[in-house]
Amino acid sequence: MDSDSWNQRRAAGVGERAGGAAQWARLLDGLETDCGTCGGTGTTPNERWVEWHRRAGELVAVAQAARRAHELRPAHGAVPVTVPDLPLAGEPAIVTAVERAIDDHMRARPAEPEEDTCPACRGLGRELTAAGRELADLLARHGFVRRTGPGGAGGPD
């Protein structure tokens, strides 16, 4: 056998294997997809943290509004038009109170992590498609067992 024909057969075999790998990749890609609950990240936002961030945003918005209102008040020595008892020096008490509330809120951060493991995909970020579930069912019918925990023990399917 000459070396040219061996090299040609070898190159053809590599091409076939590469083509076969692409077919397997397409097949495997069709068996699972990104998790619809977490978008493929494997985590979901912790509800306590979502509420904490929402409240922090509200407090910041109130503080900004109070500061803007303070900046729009009449200049020192000018006669106030609508609010005769407005103090003329320093920040208004509302700004101080809101800043104190922000400081208290910052100290009251939730102790748990900001993100939880996604309950739908158990942190994998992927879930089976309909075809993937059919394949898993076929394998289970023929004695293959799905392992879900460390060492294959326990946990829901």
Foldseek 3Di string as FASTA:
>chain_A
DDPVVVVVVVVVVVVVVVVVVVVVVVVVPQFKDFDPVPQLQQKDFDPLQVVLVVVLVVLVVQLVVQVVVVVPFDAPPDQGDPDRPDDHDDRDPSNVVSVVVNVVSVVPHDPDDRIDGDPVVRSRRMDTDPVNVVVVVVCVVVPDDDADDVVSDDDDD
